[in-house]
């Protein structure tokens, strides 16, 4: 049986094989959302959206491997984002955009099993974020 980790890693490799730089695509797609307050991303923080793609993918891979890095999320990542004013709905919207862009860019290489794997790990990560967030 193929694990979430294997499915996710395969999808990341497929992006690399296609030469797709997903970071700016996810960042722009998130900034294009109409119902999200993007004020937090002014003054140079918009570039953080691109960095976050790598960080989020890395963290979800850790979750898929059974090492969810809850300490890192609880002691650094979530408090940092709380201080910026990032809310629960903003996290959720980002994760939805993240997965949607992966699906769009991978086309036929994106299947139901891969979608389920990314969604399970996204849900697990959002659950931990909500547990540690003060502004959710």
Protein backbone atom coordinates (compact mmCIF):
# COMPACT_ATOMS: atom_id res chain seq x y z
CA UNK A 1 0.00 0.00 0.00
CA UNK A 2 1.33 3.39 -0.96
CA UNK A 3 1.65 5.77 1.99
CA UNK A 4 0.64 9.43 2.09
CA UNK A 5 4.33 10.30 2.29
CA UNK A 6 5.11 8.35 -0.91
CA UNK A 7 2.17 9.88 -2.78
CA UNK A 8 3.10 13.38 -1.69
CA UNK A 9 6.76 12.95 -2.54
CA UNK A 10 5.85 11.55 -5.96
CA UNK A 11 3.70 14.60 -6.66
CA UNK A 12 6.53 16.94 -5.65
CA UNK A 13 8.90 15.04 -7.93
CA UNK A 14 6.36 15.32 -10.77
CA UNK A 15 6.31 19.09 -10.34
CA UNK A 16 10.09 19.18 -10.46
CA UNK A 17 10.13 16.96 -13.54
CA UNK A 18 7.75 19.40 -15.25
CA UNK A 19 10.02 22.29 -14.28
CA UNK A 20 7.19 24.01 -12.41
CA UNK A 21 8.15 26.51 -9.74
CA UNK A 22 5.06 26.22 -7.60
CA UNK A 23 5.98 28.85 -5.01
CA UNK A 24 5.03 32.02 -6.92
CA UNK A 25 1.91 30.35 -8.33
CA UNK A 26 0.60 29.46 -4.86
CA UNK A 27 1.53 32.89 -3.50
CA UNK A 28 -0.26 34.74 -6.28
CA UNK A 29 -3.31 32.48 -6.14
CA UNK A 30 -3.59 33.17 -2.41
CA UNK A 31 -3.26 36.92 -2.91
CA UNK A 32 -5.99 36.73 -5.55
CA UNK A 33 -8.53 35.45 -3.01
CA UNK A 34 -11.16 38.12 -2.45
CA UNK A 35 -12.40 37.14 1.01
CA UNK A 36 -9.04 37.20 2.79
CA UNK A 37 -7.53 40.24 4.52
CA UNK A 38 -4.16 40.57 2.82
CA UNK A 39 -2.96 43.53 4.86
CA UNK A 40 -0.59 41.24 6.75
CA UNK A 41 1.28 40.60 3.49
CA UNK A 42 2.05 44.24 2.79
CA UNK A 43 5.47 45.74 3.49
CA UNK A 44 7.44 42.86 1.99
CA UNK A 45 5.64 40.02 3.69
CA UNK A 46 4.21 38.85 0.35
CA UNK A 47 7.49 37.09 -0.38
CA UNK A 48 6.86 35.04 2.73
CA UNK A 49 3.95 33.42 0.90
CA UNK A 50 6.41 31.88 -1.53
CA UNK A 51 8.73 30.71 1.25
CA UNK A 52 5.73 29.23 3.03
CA UNK A 53 5.03 26.83 0.15
CA UNK A 54 8.30 25.07 0.82
CA UNK A 55 7.78 25.20 4.57
CA UNK A 56 4.18 23.91 4.39
CA UNK A 57 5.14 21.06 2.04
CA UNK A 58 8.01 20.14 4.35
CA UNK A 59 5.78 20.22 7.43
CA UNK A 60 3.07 18.12 5.77
CA UNK A 61 5.71 15.57 4.75
CA UNK A 62 6.79 15.41 8.39
CA UNK A 63 3.16 14.80 9.36
CA UNK A 64 2.89 12.06 6.73
CA UNK A 65 6.00 10.39 8.14
CA UNK A 66 4.48 10.36 11.62
CA UNK A 67 6.68 13.16 12.96
CA UNK A 68 4.27 16.11 12.98
CA UNK A 69 6.75 18.64 14.39
CA UNK A 70 4.13 19.93 16.83
CA UNK A 71 6.83 21.54 18.96
CA UNK A 72 8.09 23.61 16.04
CA UNK A 73 4.54 24.64 15.15
CA UNK A 74 3.64 25.36 18.78
CA UNK A 75 6.73 27.29 19.79
CA UNK A 76 7.73 29.13 16.66
CA UNK A 77 5.54 28.98 13.58
CA UNK A 78 2.10 29.55 15.07
CA UNK A 79 3.11 32.29 17.55
CA UNK A 80 5.03 34.06 14.75
CA UNK A 81 1.94 34.01 12.54
CA UNK A 82 -0.29 35.02 15.46
CA UNK A 83 1.89 38.09 15.91
CA UNK A 84 1.39 38.95 12.24
CA UNK A 85 -2.38 38.64 12.63
CA UNK A 86 -2.84 35.43 10.65
CA UNK A 87 -6.17 33.84 11.58
CA UNK A 88 -7.64 30.36 11.30
CA UNK A 89 -9.59 31.19 8.14
CA UNK A 90 -6.39 32.53 6.57
CA UNK A 91 -4.55 29.28 7.33
CA UNK A 92 -7.45 27.26 5.93
CA UNK A 93 -7.66 29.34 2.77
CA UNK A 94 -3.91 29.06 2.23
CA UNK A 95 -4.02 25.28 2.55
CA UNK A 96 -6.95 25.06 0.13
CA UNK A 97 -5.12 27.21 -2.42
CA UNK A 98 -1.94 25.19 -1.89
CA UNK A 99 -3.69 21.91 -2.71
CA UNK A 100 -5.75 23.41 -5.54
CA UNK A 101 -2.66 24.80 -7.27
CA UNK A 102 -0.87 21.46 -6.94
CA UNK A 103 -3.85 19.73 -8.55
CA UNK A 104 -4.04 22.26 -11.38
CA UNK A 105 -0.32 22.17 -12.12
CA UNK A 106 -0.01 18.38 -11.97
CA UNK A 107 -2.97 17.68 -14.23
CA UNK A 108 -3.09 13.96 -15.02
CA UNK A 109 -0.39 13.23 -12.44
CA UNK A 110 -2.87 14.31 -9.73
CA UNK A 111 -5.25 11.53 -8.76
CA UNK A 112 -7.74 10.87 -5.98
CA UNK A 113 -5.21 9.04 -3.80
CA UNK A 114 -2.73 11.91 -4.05
CA UNK A 115 -5.45 14.47 -3.34
CA UNK A 116 -6.57 12.48 -0.30
CA UNK A 117 -3.00 12.22 0.98
CA UNK A 118 -2.39 15.98 0.77
CA UNK A 119 -5.81 16.73 2.27
CA UNK A 120 -5.31 14.33 5.23
CA UNK A 121 -1.97 15.90 6.07
CA UNK A 122 -3.34 19.40 5.59
CA UNK A 123 -6.20 18.62 7.97
CA UNK A 124 -3.79 17.18 10.52
CA UNK A 125 -1.55 20.24 10.32
CA UNK A 126 -4.49 22.65 10.59
CA UNK A 127 -5.69 20.81 13.68
CA UNK A 128 -2.33 21.32 15.39
CA UNK A 129 -2.21 24.96 14.28
CA UNK A 130 -5.66 25.58 15.78
CA UNK A 131 -4.57 23.99 19.05
CA UNK A 132 -1.67 26.43 19.34
CA UNK A 133 -3.15 29.56 17.82
CA UNK A 134 -4.37 32.43 19.95
CA UNK A 135 -6.09 34.29 17.09
CA UNK A 136 -7.86 31.40 15.35
